[in-house]
Amino acid sequence: MRCANKYTILIADRNPYVRKFLKRELAKEGYQVILASSIREVFKFMFTKRPPDLFVIDPELFAYTKETLPFTSLQGRVPASSIIVHGFRHFNDLPIEVPRGTVFVEKDGES
């Protein structure tokens, strides 16, 4: 196991199995992992003194709410929090905007 220097990753996914799997695999590598199952839970961690260093967000969380995440405020922090959108290819159909520099990782049997 390598030391990740307390690098904190927030996993926000509607599927509890995906959340648990990602937490297990990332924790094995030494990362501190926080789980969120809703947009409200993401908000809880977003504006703390020390927000997570990386947000991994399932865009389908937005399909069931009218709330949006202020992604640009995450990138305006010093240091900026990074964002990975982890979803299915059809995520472009959802009413969310992500800032430039956000990475998209498609969900499939390999991710």
C-alpha atoms as a PDB file:
ATOM      1  CA  MET A   1       0.000   0.000   0.000  1.00  0.00           C
ATOM      2  CA  ARG A   2       1.389   3.406  -0.895  1.00  0.00           C
ATOM      3  CA  CYS A   3       0.901   6.485   1.243  1.00  0.00           C
ATOM      4  CA  ALA A   4      -1.435   9.024  -0.311  1.00  0.00           C
ATOM      5  CA  ASN A   5      -0.635  11.773   2.232  1.00  0.00           C
ATOM      6  CA  LYS A   6      -4.242  11.933   3.417  1.00  0.00           C
ATOM      7  CA  TYR A   7      -5.503  12.745  -0.075  1.00  0.00           C
ATOM      8  CA  THR A   8      -9.286  12.754   0.321  1.00  0.00           C
ATOM      9  CA  ILE A   9     -11.677  11.522  -2.363  1.00  0.00           C
ATOM     10  CA  LEU A  10     -15.443  11.940  -2.241  1.00  0.00           C
ATOM     11  CA  ILE A  11     -17.401   9.276  -4.139  1.00  0.00           C
ATOM     12  CA  ALA A  12     -20.962  10.364  -4.973  1.00  0.00           C
ATOM     13  CA  ASP A  13     -22.879   7.641  -6.772  1.00  0.00           C
ATOM     14  CA  ARG A  14     -26.509   6.553  -6.734  1.00  0.00           C
ATOM     15  CA  ASN A  15     -25.479   2.875  -6.657  1.00  0.00           C
ATOM     16  CA  PRO A  16     -24.372   1.690  -3.190  1.00  0.00           C
ATOM     17  CA  TYR A  17     -22.371  -1.184  -4.709  1.00  0.00           C
ATOM     18  CA  VAL A  18     -20.347   1.221  -6.858  1.00  0.00           C
ATOM     19  CA  ARG A  19     -19.707   3.447  -3.815  1.00  0.00           C
ATOM     20  CA  LYS A  20     -18.540   0.518  -1.683  1.00  0.00           C
ATOM     21  CA  PHE A  21     -16.386  -0.955  -4.465  1.00  0.00           C
ATOM     22  CA  LEU A  22     -14.623   2.339  -5.186  1.00  0.00           C
ATOM     23  CA  LYS A  23     -14.106   2.994  -1.474  1.00  0.00           C
ATOM     24  CA  ARG A  24     -12.570  -0.446  -0.926  1.00  0.00           C
ATOM     25  CA  GLU A  25     -10.196  -0.160  -3.883  1.00  0.00           C
ATOM     26  CA  LEU A  26      -9.103   3.421  -3.164  1.00  0.00           C
ATOM     27  CA  ALA A  27      -8.700   2.835   0.584  1.00  0.00           C
ATOM     28  CA  LYS A  28      -6.380  -0.105  -0.231  1.00  0.00           C
ATOM     29  CA  GLU A  29      -4.146   2.434  -1.973  1.00  0.00           C
ATOM     30  CA  GLY A  30      -4.072   4.635   1.121  1.00  0.00           C
ATOM     31  CA  TYR A  31      -6.626   7.284   0.197  1.00  0.00           C
ATOM     32  CA  GLN A  32      -9.161   8.649   2.646  1.00  0.00           C
ATOM     33  CA  VAL A  33     -12.588   8.077   1.053  1.00  0.00           C
ATOM     34  CA  ILE A  34     -15.891   9.767   1.860  1.00  0.00           C
ATOM     35  CA  LEU A  35     -19.148   8.367   0.461  1.00  0.00           C
ATOM     36  CA  ALA A  36     -22.201  10.362  -0.600  1.00  0.00           C
ATOM     37  CA  SER A  37     -25.461   9.015  -1.982  1.00  0.00           C
ATOM     38  CA  SER A  38     -27.140  12.346  -2.761  1.00  0.00           C
ATOM     39  CA  ILE A  39     -26.449  15.880  -3.899  1.00  0.00           C
ATOM     40  CA  ARG A  40     -27.270  17.136  -0.397  1.00  0.00           C
ATOM     41  CA  GLU A  41     -24.524  14.941   1.046  1.00  0.00           C
ATOM     42  CA  VAL A  42     -22.060  16.325  -1.508  1.00  0.00           C
ATOM     43  CA  PHE A  43     -23.006  19.880  -0.447  1.00  0.00           C
ATOM     44  CA  LYS A  44     -22.244  18.954   3.158  1.00  0.00           C
ATOM     45  CA  PHE A  45     -18.592  18.307   2.283  1.00  0.00           C
ATOM     46  CA  MET A  46     -18.174  20.849  -0.505  1.00  0.00           C
ATOM     47  CA  PHE A  47     -17.916  23.983   1.607  1.00  0.00           C
ATOM     48  CA  THR A  48     -15.978  22.772   4.625  1.00  0.00           C
ATOM     49  CA  LYS A  49     -12.609  24.254   5.621  1.00  0.00           C
ATOM     50  CA  ARG A  50     -10.886  21.317   3.951  1.00  0.00           C
ATOM     51  CA  PRO A  51     -13.096  19.922   1.175  1.00  0.00           C
ATOM     52  CA  PRO A  52     -12.125  16.678  -0.545  1.00  0.00           C
ATOM     53  CA  ASP A  53      -9.223  16.925  -2.979  1.00  0.00           C
ATOM     54  CA  LEU A  54     -11.146  14.976  -5.607  1.00  0.00           C
ATOM     55  CA  PHE A  55     -14.864  14.623  -6.311  1.00  0.00           C
ATOM     56  CA  VAL A  56     -15.990  11.533  -8.272  1.00  0.00           C
ATOM     57  CA  ILE A  57     -19.605  12.246  -9.176  1.00  0.00           C
ATOM     58  CA  ASP A  58     -22.285  10.155 -10.872  1.00  0.00           C
ATOM     59  CA  PRO A  59     -24.201  12.643 -13.070  1.00  0.00           C
ATOM     60  CA  GLU A  60     -27.373  10.570 -12.692  1.00  0.00           C
ATOM     61  CA  LEU A  61     -27.682  11.960  -9.161  1.00  0.00           C
ATOM     62  CA  PHE A  62     -28.915  15.105 -10.934  1.00  0.00           C
ATOM     63  CA  ALA A  63     -31.653  13.212 -12.782  1.00  0.00           C
ATOM     64  CA  TYR A  64     -33.751  12.996  -9.618  1.00  0.00           C
ATOM     65  CA  THR A  65     -33.427  16.533  -8.296  1.00  0.00           C
ATOM     66  CA  LYS A  66     -33.644  20.126  -9.449  1.00  0.00           C
ATOM     67  CA  GLU A  67     -30.508  20.966  -7.482  1.00  0.00           C
ATOM     68  CA  THR A  68     -27.211  21.585  -9.187  1.00  0.00           C
ATOM     69  CA  LEU A  69     -23.669  21.588  -7.897  1.00  0.00           C
ATOM     70  CA  PRO A  70     -21.605  24.759  -8.208  1.00  0.00           C
ATOM     71  CA  PHE A  71     -18.656  22.971  -9.816  1.00  0.00           C
ATOM     72  CA  THR A  72     -16.900  26.226 -10.625  1.00  0.00           C
ATOM     73  CA  SER A  73     -16.673  27.108  -6.935  1.00  0.00           C
ATOM     74  CA  LEU A  74     -14.723  23.878  -6.369  1.00  0.00           C
ATOM     75  CA  GLN A  75     -12.195  24.884  -8.975  1.00  0.00           C
ATOM     76  CA  GLY A  76     -11.967  28.417  -7.596  1.00  0.00           C
ATOM     77  CA  ARG A  77     -10.451  27.163  -4.343  1.00  0.00           C
ATOM     78  CA  VAL A  78      -6.726  27.248  -3.673  1.00  0.00           C
ATOM     79  CA  PRO A  79      -5.774  24.525  -4.177  1.00  0.00           C
ATOM     80  CA  ALA A  80      -8.623  23.651  -6.523  1.00  0.00           C
ATOM     81  CA  SER A  81     -10.576  20.446  -6.034  1.00  0.00           C
ATOM     82  CA  SER A  82     -10.504  18.147  -9.047  1.00  0.00           C
ATOM     83  CA  ILE A  83     -13.661  16.633 -10.523  1.00  0.00           C
ATOM     84  CA  ILE A  84     -14.251  13.312 -12.273  1.00  0.00           C
ATOM     85  CA  VAL A  85     -17.695  12.659 -13.730  1.00  0.00           C
ATOM     86  CA  HIS A  86     -18.210   8.877 -13.661  1.00  0.00           C
ATOM     87  CA  GLY A  87     -21.298   7.962 -15.660  1.00  0.00           C
ATOM     88  CA  PHE A  88     -22.851   6.386 -18.699  1.00  0.00           C
ATOM     89  CA  ARG A  89     -22.400   7.853 -22.161  1.00  0.00           C
ATOM     90  CA  HIS A  90     -25.916   9.355 -22.154  1.00  0.00           C
ATOM     91  CA  PHE A  91     -24.952  11.726 -19.317  1.00  0.00           C
ATOM     92  CA  ASN A  92     -24.895  14.570 -21.857  1.00  0.00           C
ATOM     93  CA  ASP A  93     -28.707  14.348 -21.862  1.00  0.00           C
ATOM     94  CA  LEU A  94     -28.825  15.459 -18.214  1.00  0.00           C
ATOM     95  CA  PRO A  95     -29.230  19.142 -17.326  1.00  0.00           C
ATOM     96  CA  ILE A  96     -25.799  19.708 -15.788  1.00  0.00           C
ATOM     97  CA  GLU A  97     -22.864  21.794 -16.832  1.00  0.00           C
ATOM     98  CA  VAL A  98     -19.341  20.885 -15.891  1.00  0.00           C
ATOM     99  CA  PRO A  99     -16.395  23.254 -16.063  1.00  0.00           C
ATOM    100  CA  ARG A 100     -13.499  22.937 -18.469  1.00  0.00           C
ATOM    101  CA  GLY A 101     -10.885  20.504 -17.217  1.00  0.00           C
ATOM    102  CA  THR A 102     -13.400  18.095 -15.718  1.00  0.00           C
ATOM    103  CA  VAL A 103     -12.590  14.500 -16.630  1.00  0.00           C
ATOM    104  CA  PHE A 104     -15.322  12.120 -17.819  1.00  0.00           C
ATOM    105  CA  VAL A 105     -14.884   8.382 -17.166  1.00  0.00           C
ATOM    106  CA  GLU A 106     -17.541   6.207 -18.759  1.00  0.00           C
ATOM    107  CA  LYS A 107     -19.151   3.525 -16.606  1.00  0.00           C
ATOM    108  CA  ASP A 108     -18.955   0.086 -18.131  1.00  0.00           C
ATOM    109  CA  GLY A 109     -17.946  -3.389 -17.050  1.00  0.00           C
ATOM    110  CA  GLU A 110     -14.309  -2.268 -16.849  1.00  0.00           C
ATOM    111  CA  SER A 111     -14.593   0.982 -14.848  1.00  0.00           C
END
